[in-house]
């Protein structure tokens, strides 16, 4: 569930004195509608805590179309044929008794006409004297809905949970989690497309990343054939100007249609739109490519998780073996430490709050590569170098796939084995 929706509901927009308003909820699929409606009802009652006691009405399985039919289906359990005046009077009379939260499921077709009609009706209500407001939540599919400022997205862009579970590092289990994350990234959060990918990957053997890469390219080519010639031309225009803010250069409409087509998306934790992986794969060698295209293929969610493990393994190595280092020549580290203490602009001091509880020594300013060199040749040296290479490669934007996970697990296993041998 969208965190923004939860925050909005906690503000109790149905309380007395508020205006009638509408919000749109994008569904991953129509199959999610019933579950989402029940969850929203639970959130409304939890947020209200019995203060205003709103009436939460669900549309149910009705196939009613149009504003009056859909709202009367919520009230009576089936659609009623009412004229506009009678319908408006019905709603106003109910709002004298209690606030109402209507949940309407647009089960087929473009919701645009319904949304415009609903906004006009709510504006009419807001010109009347109402004790309580009418809150309308319209649930519908369609990636284009996320462009609306009044939309909450209930379709997760990436799967919940981690790929790497320290309690179960069985490759069979990890491979399944990896495929899940990979499908979400390749498809730019498009649940329906990710399901197609998942079905196509059923025949791929565990750990066969070569076959997986080939499948990704084939599936991307199939998806690309569905894109119209006009969209393909706009895509090429986007790539040609991708280093500049297109919205400021009069390309706002192009951005919108590319998002709607699924050629652009905003990955979790990132600050702006970027090409989807499938679009980059489909056009590799045909259109301009560069650092942006390379970045689009890098699953930054997987990278963040692997880097977290790398940083922890590095911290453990530093903690356990710092005293074994020869620190007699550490001029560079001491200079960096002195600059930090003096809060020079070029130092990392600006990252730390005034009340930071720890006192750093010059040893913390030694690079991990320098730390490894100080320890010289020993049974852990090669594994430390592997850890350093993996961490640096990911920090510099290199590709992350199944081999990344295998490399990390091998590093962890070797360091753990060396620990057991030394005890």
Protein backbone atom coordinates (compact mmCIF):
# COMPACT_ATOMS: atom_id res chain seq x y z
CA UNK A 1 0.00 0.00 0.00
CA UNK A 2 1.22 3.49 -0.89
CA UNK A 3 2.66 5.25 2.20
CA UNK A 4 1.17 8.50 0.95
CA UNK A 5 -2.33 7.01 1.06
CA UNK A 6 -1.81 5.90 4.65
CA UNK A 7 -0.66 9.41 5.62
CA UNK A 8 -3.61 11.00 3.83
CA UNK A 9 -6.13 8.70 5.55
CA UNK A 10 -4.58 9.41 8.96
CA UNK A 11 -5.49 13.08 8.46
CA UNK A 12 -9.19 12.03 8.44
CA UNK A 13 -10.26 14.04 5.35
CA UNK A 14 -13.89 13.01 6.12
CA UNK A 15 -14.05 15.08 9.30
CA UNK A 16 -16.60 17.88 9.66
CA UNK A 17 -15.60 21.09 7.90
CA UNK A 18 -13.49 19.40 5.21
CA UNK A 19 -14.37 19.68 1.51
CA UNK A 20 -15.59 16.76 -0.57
CA UNK A 21 -12.74 15.33 -2.59
CA UNK A 22 -11.58 12.43 -4.75
CA UNK A 23 -8.46 10.31 -4.89
CA UNK A 24 -7.45 7.76 -7.51
CA UNK A 25 -5.86 4.44 -6.60
CA UNK A 26 -3.93 2.63 -9.29
CA UNK A 27 -4.31 -1.15 -9.07
CA UNK A 28 -1.73 -3.70 -10.14
CA UNK A 29 -4.67 -5.76 -11.46
CA UNK A 30 -8.44 -5.98 -11.06
CA UNK A 31 -7.90 -9.09 -8.93
CA UNK A 32 -6.50 -6.81 -6.23
CA UNK A 33 -9.61 -4.60 -6.04
CA UNK A 34 -11.52 -6.50 -3.33
CA UNK A 35 -8.46 -6.88 -1.10
CA UNK A 36 -7.53 -3.20 -1.46
CA UNK A 37 -11.08 -2.06 -0.66
CA UNK A 38 -11.14 -4.08 2.55
CA UNK A 39 -7.71 -2.81 3.54
CA UNK A 40 -8.77 0.81 2.95
CA UNK A 41 -11.89 0.30 5.06
CA UNK A 42 -9.71 -1.02 7.87
CA UNK A 43 -7.35 1.98 7.57
CA UNK A 44 -10.26 4.45 7.61
CA UNK A 45 -11.78 3.00 10.76
CA UNK A 46 -8.35 2.80 12.44
CA UNK A 47 -7.58 6.45 11.60
CA UNK A 48 -11.04 7.68 12.66
CA UNK A 49 -10.98 5.92 16.07
CA UNK A 50 -14.76 6.29 16.30
CA UNK A 51 -14.72 10.11 16.32
CA UNK A 52 -16.70 10.80 13.12
CA UNK A 53 -17.85 7.23 12.32
CA UNK A 54 -17.71 7.55 8.52
CA UNK A 55 -19.82 5.26 6.35
CA UNK A 56 -17.39 3.30 4.18
CA UNK A 57 -19.28 1.95 1.16
CA UNK A 58 -17.78 -0.52 -1.31
CA UNK A 59 -18.82 -0.93 -4.92
CA UNK A 60 -18.81 -4.73 -4.72
CA UNK A 61 -18.95 -6.84 -7.90
CA UNK A 62 -21.29 -4.44 -9.72
CA UNK A 63 -20.45 -3.75 -13.36
CA UNK A 64 -22.26 -0.40 -13.19
CA UNK A 65 -20.85 2.36 -15.38
CA UNK A 66 -21.25 6.09 -14.94
CA UNK A 67 -21.29 8.33 -11.90
CA UNK A 68 -24.90 7.88 -10.74
CA UNK A 69 -24.99 4.13 -11.36
CA UNK A 70 -21.74 3.48 -9.52
CA UNK A 71 -22.55 5.62 -6.48
CA UNK A 72 -26.11 4.26 -6.13
CA UNK A 73 -24.70 0.74 -6.39
CA UNK A 74 -22.56 1.55 -3.34
CA UNK A 75 -25.60 2.87 -1.44
CA UNK A 76 -28.24 0.30 -2.40
CA UNK A 77 -26.16 -2.69 -3.47
CA UNK A 78 -27.32 -2.30 -7.05
CA UNK A 79 -27.40 0.62 -9.51
CA UNK A 80 -30.48 2.88 -9.54
CA UNK A 81 -31.76 5.13 -12.32
CA UNK A 82 -32.06 8.59 -10.79
CA UNK A 83 -32.13 12.01 -12.35
CA UNK A 84 -29.32 14.37 -11.46
CA UNK A 85 -31.39 16.42 -9.00
CA UNK A 86 -32.71 13.38 -7.10
CA UNK A 87 -29.28 11.83 -7.00
CA UNK A 88 -27.68 14.98 -5.61
CA UNK A 89 -30.43 15.30 -2.99
CA UNK A 90 -29.85 11.68 -1.96
CA UNK A 91 -26.15 12.32 -1.35
CA UNK A 92 -26.73 15.62 0.47
CA UNK A 93 -29.27 14.01 2.80
CA UNK A 94 -26.80 11.27 3.69
CA UNK A 95 -24.04 13.80 4.34
CA UNK A 96 -26.21 15.46 6.96
CA UNK A 97 -26.04 12.25 9.00
CA UNK A 98 -22.42 11.13 8.63
CA UNK A 99 -19.35 11.48 6.43
CA UNK A 100 -19.18 8.96 3.59
CA UNK A 101 -16.22 7.25 1.96
CA UNK A 102 -17.20 5.66 -1.36
CA UNK A 103 -14.89 3.16 -3.04
CA UNK A 104 -15.61 2.76 -6.74
CA UNK A 105 -13.88 0.15 -8.89
CA UNK A 106 -13.61 1.04 -12.56
CA UNK A 107 -13.50 -2.52 -13.82
CA UNK A 108 -12.98 -1.88 -17.52
CA UNK A 109 -12.16 0.89 -19.96
CA UNK A 110 -10.49 4.26 -19.55
CA UNK A 111 -11.42 5.89 -16.20
CA UNK A 112 -10.79 9.40 -17.53
CA UNK A 113 -14.43 10.28 -18.27
CA UNK A 114 -15.62 8.99 -14.88
CA UNK A 115 -12.92 10.97 -13.06
CA UNK A 116 -13.85 14.22 -14.80
CA UNK A 117 -17.55 13.65 -14.09
CA UNK A 118 -16.77 12.89 -10.45
CA UNK A 119 -14.70 16.04 -9.99
CA UNK A 120 -17.51 18.15 -11.43
CA UNK A 121 -20.03 16.55 -9.07
CA UNK A 122 -17.80 17.10 -6.03
CA UNK A 123 -17.44 20.76 -6.98
CA UNK A 124 -21.24 20.98 -6.97
CA UNK A 125 -21.39 19.46 -3.50
CA UNK A 126 -18.76 21.88 -2.20
CA UNK A 127 -21.01 24.77 -3.22
CA UNK A 128 -23.75 23.37 -0.97
CA UNK A 129 -23.91 23.49 2.81
CA UNK A 130 -22.79 20.04 3.94
CA UNK A 131 -22.14 19.02 7.52
CA UNK A 132 -19.78 16.28 6.38
CA UNK A 133 -17.79 15.79 3.17
CA UNK A 134 -18.05 13.07 0.56
CA UNK A 135 -14.79 11.20 -0.03
CA UNK A 136 -14.57 9.18 -3.24
CA UNK A 137 -11.81 6.70 -3.97
CA UNK A 138 -11.70 5.43 -7.56
CA UNK A 139 -9.76 2.19 -8.03
CA UNK A 140 -8.56 1.39 -11.53
CA UNK A 141 -5.72 -0.11 -13.53
CA UNK A 142 -3.54 1.89 -15.91
CA UNK A 143 0.03 3.13 -15.61
CA UNK A 144 -1.11 6.54 -16.95
CA UNK A 145 -2.89 7.16 -13.64
CA UNK A 146 0.39 7.65 -11.78
CA UNK A 147 0.82 10.96 -13.64
CA UNK A 148 -2.20 12.39 -11.81
CA UNK A 149 -1.42 14.51 -8.73
CA UNK A 150 -4.40 12.93 -6.93
CA UNK A 151 -3.25 9.34 -7.52
CA UNK A 152 -1.91 6.84 -5.01
CA UNK A 153 -0.12 3.82 -6.49
CA UNK A 154 -1.00 0.51 -4.82
CA UNK A 155 1.10 -1.45 -7.34
CA UNK A 156 4.60 -1.90 -5.89
CA UNK A 157 7.37 -0.94 -8.28
CA UNK A 158 9.71 -3.51 -6.75
CA UNK A 159 9.10 -6.65 -4.72
CA UNK A 160 9.09 -6.34 -0.96
CA UNK A 161 11.81 -7.99 1.09
CA UNK A 162 15.46 -8.78 0.44
CA UNK A 163 17.14 -11.06 -2.05
CA UNK A 164 19.89 -11.97 0.41
CA UNK A 165 18.68 -13.61 3.60
CA UNK A 166 21.53 -14.37 6.01
CA UNK A 167 19.41 -17.10 7.63
CA UNK A 168 18.98 -18.97 4.38
CA UNK A 169 21.66 -18.64 1.73
CA UNK A 170 20.52 -21.73 -0.18
CA UNK A 171 21.16 -20.88 -3.87
CA UNK A 172 17.73 -22.31 -4.78
CA UNK A 173 16.04 -19.80 -2.48
CA UNK A 174 18.27 -16.92 -3.54
CA UNK A 175 17.71 -17.65 -7.23
CA UNK A 176 13.96 -17.29 -6.79
CA UNK A 177 14.33 -13.96 -5.01
CA UNK A 178 16.82 -12.81 -7.64
CA UNK A 179 14.40 -13.63 -10.48
CA UNK A 180 11.63 -11.74 -8.69
CA UNK A 181 13.75 -8.60 -8.30
CA UNK A 182 15.16 -8.95 -11.79
CA UNK A 183 11.71 -9.14 -13.40
CA UNK A 184 10.53 -6.05 -11.52
CA UNK A 185 13.60 -4.10 -12.61
CA UNK A 186 13.62 -5.25 -16.23
CA UNK A 187 9.94 -4.34 -16.59
CA UNK A 188 10.14 -0.97 -14.86
CA UNK A 189 7.64 -1.97 -12.19
CA UNK A 190 5.01 -3.07 -14.73
CA UNK A 191 3.37 -5.96 -12.87
CA UNK A 192 1.62 -7.40 -15.91
CA UNK A 193 4.81 -7.42 -18.00
CA UNK A 194 6.75 -8.89 -15.07
CA UNK A 195 4.27 -11.78 -14.97
CA UNK A 196 5.01 -12.47 -18.63
CA UNK A 197 8.72 -12.49 -17.87
CA UNK A 198 8.21 -14.80 -14.92
CA UNK A 199 6.29 -17.30 -17.03
CA UNK A 200 8.99 -17.26 -19.70
CA UNK A 201 11.68 -17.93 -17.09
CA UNK A 202 10.10 -21.11 -15.71
CA UNK A 203 12.28 -23.24 -17.98
CA UNK A 204 15.58 -21.54 -17.11
CA UNK A 205 17.90 -23.63 -14.98
CA UNK A 206 19.03 -22.33 -11.62
CA UNK A 207 22.04 -19.98 -11.79
CA UNK A 208 21.96 -19.87 -15.61
CA UNK A 209 22.38 -16.13 -15.94
CA UNK A 210 23.46 -16.50 -19.58
CA UNK A 211 20.09 -17.97 -20.52
CA UNK A 212 18.38 -15.32 -18.39
CA UNK A 213 20.16 -12.50 -20.22
CA UNK A 214 19.19 -14.00 -23.57
CA UNK A 215 15.59 -14.30 -22.44
CA UNK A 216 15.55 -10.67 -21.27
CA UNK A 217 16.68 -9.51 -24.71
CA UNK A 218 14.13 -11.67 -26.55
CA UNK A 219 11.27 -10.53 -24.31
CA UNK A 220 12.35 -6.91 -24.68
CA UNK A 221 12.28 -7.28 -28.48
CA UNK A 222 8.75 -8.68 -28.28
CA UNK A 223 7.61 -5.78 -26.11
CA UNK A 224 9.29 -3.28 -28.45
CA UNK A 225 7.23 -4.59 -31.40
CA UNK A 226 4.11 -3.43 -29.55
CA UNK A 227 5.36 0.19 -29.46
CA UNK A 228 3.98 2.49 -32.15
CA UNK A 229 6.24 4.20 -34.67
CA UNK A 230 5.37 7.58 -33.13
CA UNK A 231 6.46 6.44 -29.67
CA UNK A 232 9.66 4.96 -31.06
CA UNK A 233 10.50 8.31 -32.64
CA UNK A 234 9.81 10.11 -29.35
CA UNK A 235 12.02 7.58 -27.58
CA UNK A 236 14.91 8.36 -29.93
CA UNK A 237 14.33 12.06 -29.33
CA UNK A 238 14.45 11.48 -25.58
CA UNK A 239 17.77 9.59 -25.77
CA UNK A 240 19.26 12.30 -27.97
CA UNK A 241 18.45 14.93 -25.33
CA UNK A 242 18.58 12.85 -22.16
CA UNK A 243 21.39 14.85 -20.63
CA UNK A 244 19.13 17.90 -20.38
CA UNK A 245 15.90 18.50 -18.43
CA UNK A 246 13.34 17.85 -21.17
CA UNK A 247 10.45 19.37 -19.23
CA UNK A 248 12.21 22.74 -19.37
CA UNK A 249 12.82 22.40 -23.12
CA UNK A 250 9.18 21.92 -24.09
CA UNK A 251 9.18 18.13 -24.10
CA UNK A 252 6.78 17.65 -21.18
CA UNK A 253 4.22 15.83 -23.36
CA UNK A 254 6.91 13.49 -24.66
CA UNK A 255 7.89 12.58 -21.12
CA UNK A 256 4.28 11.78 -20.25
CA UNK A 257 3.65 9.48 -23.18
CA UNK A 258 6.94 7.67 -22.67
CA UNK A 259 6.00 6.99 -19.05
CA UNK A 260 2.58 5.79 -20.15
CA UNK A 261 4.16 3.48 -22.72
CA UNK A 262 6.48 2.06 -20.07
CA UNK A 263 9.65 3.32 -21.76
CA UNK A 264 10.49 5.52 -18.76
CA UNK A 265 10.04 4.97 -15.03
CA UNK A 266 11.34 6.26 -11.73
CA UNK A 267 13.12 3.44 -9.88
CA UNK A 268 12.82 3.17 -6.09
CA UNK A 269 15.16 5.54 -4.29
CA UNK A 270 16.11 7.53 -7.39
CA UNK A 271 15.49 11.20 -8.05
CA UNK A 272 14.26 11.28 -11.64
CA UNK A 273 12.87 9.29 -14.53
CA UNK A 274 15.16 6.99 -16.46
CA UNK A 275 14.79 4.46 -19.31
CA UNK A 276 13.38 1.06 -18.43
CA UNK A 277 15.75 -1.85 -18.87
CA UNK A 278 13.61 -3.60 -21.48
CA UNK A 279 13.55 -0.47 -23.65
CA UNK A 280 17.34 -0.15 -23.53
CA UNK A 281 17.77 -3.82 -24.40
CA UNK A 282 15.32 -3.61 -27.28
CA UNK A 283 17.09 -0.67 -28.88
CA UNK A 284 20.71 -1.59 -28.10
CA UNK A 285 22.78 -0.88 -31.19
CA UNK A 286 19.92 0.97 -32.90
CA UNK A 287 19.90 4.28 -31.05
CA UNK A 288 22.31 6.40 -29.06
CA UNK A 289 23.49 4.69 -25.90
CA UNK A 290 25.82 5.78 -23.17
CA UNK A 291 26.16 6.02 -19.42
CA UNK A 292 22.40 6.55 -18.97
CA UNK A 293 21.58 3.37 -20.90
CA UNK A 294 24.21 1.45 -18.97
CA UNK A 295 22.75 2.69 -15.68
CA UNK A 296 19.27 1.63 -16.77
CA UNK A 297 20.39 -2.01 -16.88
CA UNK A 298 21.90 -1.93 -13.39
CA UNK A 299 19.42 -3.11 -10.75
CA UNK A 300 20.20 -0.48 -8.13
CA UNK A 301 18.05 -2.29 -5.55
CA UNK A 302 20.28 -5.38 -5.80
CA UNK A 303 23.38 -3.16 -5.86
CA UNK A 304 22.35 -1.40 -2.63
CA UNK A 305 21.82 -4.73 -0.90
CA UNK A 306 25.14 -6.21 -2.01
CA UNK A 307 26.99 -3.02 -1.10
CA UNK A 308 25.46 -3.16 2.37
CA UNK A 309 27.00 -6.60 2.83
CA UNK A 310 30.33 -5.43 1.40
CA UNK A 311 30.48 -2.47 3.79
CA UNK A 312 29.76 -4.70 6.76
CA UNK A 313 32.39 -7.28 5.77
CA UNK A 314 34.88 -4.45 5.31
CA UNK A 315 34.03 -3.02 8.75
CA UNK A 316 34.52 -6.43 10.35
CA UNK A 317 37.93 -6.83 8.70
CA UNK A 318 39.04 -3.38 9.84
CA UNK A 319 37.80 -3.97 13.38
CA UNK A 320 39.41 -7.38 13.72
CA UNK A 321 42.78 -6.71 12.08
CA UNK A 322 43.50 -2.99 12.55
CA UNK A 323 45.97 -3.66 15.34
CA UNK A 324 47.90 -6.07 13.12
CA UNK A 325 48.70 -3.28 10.64
CA UNK A 326 51.94 -1.38 10.49
CA UNK A 327 50.84 2.24 11.00
CA UNK A 328 54.34 3.72 11.09
CA UNK A 329 53.86 5.47 7.72
CA UNK A 330 50.36 6.88 7.53
CA UNK A 331 50.94 10.48 6.51
CA UNK A 332 48.02 10.60 4.05
CA UNK A 333 45.54 9.19 6.58
CA UNK A 334 46.77 11.56 9.27
CA UNK A 335 46.45 14.53 6.90
CA UNK A 336 42.86 13.57 6.05
CA UNK A 337 42.09 13.13 9.75
CA UNK A 338 43.56 16.55 10.59
CA UNK A 339 41.47 18.15 7.83
CA UNK A 340 38.37 16.42 9.25
CA UNK A 341 39.07 17.63 12.78
CA UNK A 342 39.61 21.17 11.47
CA UNK A 343 36.30 20.88 9.54
CA UNK A 344 37.90 21.91 6.29
CA UNK A 345 35.47 22.29 3.41
CA UNK A 346 37.23 19.59 1.45
CA UNK A 347 36.80 17.04 4.25
CA UNK A 348 33.87 14.78 5.12
CA UNK A 349 33.21 16.76 8.30
CA UNK A 350 30.08 18.38 6.82
CA UNK A 351 28.37 14.97 6.87
CA UNK A 352 28.58 14.67 10.66
CA UNK A 353 26.31 16.39 13.19
CA UNK A 354 27.86 18.38 16.02
CA UNK A 355 26.79 15.81 18.61
CA UNK A 356 28.14 12.76 16.76
CA UNK A 357 28.95 10.37 19.63
CA UNK A 358 32.18 8.73 18.39
CA UNK A 359 35.71 10.06 18.16
CA UNK A 360 37.46 9.07 14.90
CA UNK A 361 41.17 8.33 14.67
CA UNK A 362 43.39 8.65 11.63
CA UNK A 363 43.02 4.89 11.06
CA UNK A 364 39.39 5.36 9.98
CA UNK A 365 40.63 7.57 7.13
CA UNK A 366 42.75 4.83 5.58
CA UNK A 367 41.22 3.46 2.36
CA UNK A 368 40.33 -0.20 2.41
CA UNK A 369 42.88 -0.79 -0.33
CA UNK A 370 45.57 0.85 1.80
CA UNK A 371 44.41 -1.16 4.81
CA UNK A 372 44.79 -4.40 2.84
CA UNK A 373 48.28 -3.45 1.68
CA UNK A 374 49.36 -2.75 5.26
CA UNK A 375 48.46 -6.32 6.21
CA UNK A 376 50.68 -7.75 3.49
CA UNK A 377 50.38 -11.30 2.17
CA UNK A 378 48.38 -13.68 4.33
CA UNK A 379 45.56 -16.25 3.91
CA UNK A 380 42.93 -13.50 3.79
CA UNK A 381 44.71 -11.18 1.35
CA UNK A 382 43.22 -12.56 -1.88
CA UNK A 383 39.68 -12.57 -0.46
CA UNK A 384 40.06 -9.00 0.79
CA UNK A 385 41.14 -7.94 -2.70
CA UNK A 386 38.06 -9.66 -4.13
CA UNK A 387 35.88 -7.79 -1.64
CA UNK A 388 37.54 -4.50 -2.59
CA UNK A 389 37.11 -5.17 -6.32
CA UNK A 390 33.43 -6.10 -5.94
CA UNK A 391 32.68 -3.04 -3.83
CA UNK A 392 34.51 -0.67 -6.19
CA UNK A 393 32.92 -2.16 -9.31
CA UNK A 394 29.42 -1.65 -7.95
CA UNK A 395 30.20 1.86 -6.70
CA UNK A 396 31.37 2.75 -10.21
CA UNK A 397 28.12 1.59 -11.81
CA UNK A 398 29.11 -1.77 -13.23
CA UNK A 399 26.56 -4.48 -13.98
CA UNK A 400 24.99 -6.50 -11.18
CA UNK A 401 23.61 -9.96 -11.89
CA UNK A 402 23.71 -13.47 -10.49
CA UNK A 403 27.52 -13.50 -10.69
CA UNK A 404 27.49 -10.54 -8.28
CA UNK A 405 25.61 -12.62 -5.72
CA UNK A 406 27.89 -15.63 -6.28
CA UNK A 407 30.98 -13.44 -5.83
CA UNK A 408 29.62 -11.99 -2.58
CA UNK A 409 28.72 -15.41 -1.15
CA UNK A 410 32.15 -16.79 -2.04
CA UNK A 411 33.86 -13.85 -0.30
CA UNK A 412 31.74 -14.27 2.82
CA UNK A 413 32.32 -18.03 2.91
CA UNK A 414 36.10 -17.66 2.56
CA UNK A 415 36.33 -15.02 5.27
CA UNK A 416 34.19 -17.14 7.59
CA UNK A 417 36.31 -20.23 6.89
CA UNK A 418 39.51 -18.30 7.61
CA UNK A 419 37.99 -17.11 10.89
CA UNK A 420 37.22 -20.67 11.95
CA UNK A 421 40.74 -21.84 11.08
CA UNK A 422 42.31 -19.05 13.15
CA UNK A 423 40.32 -19.93 16.29
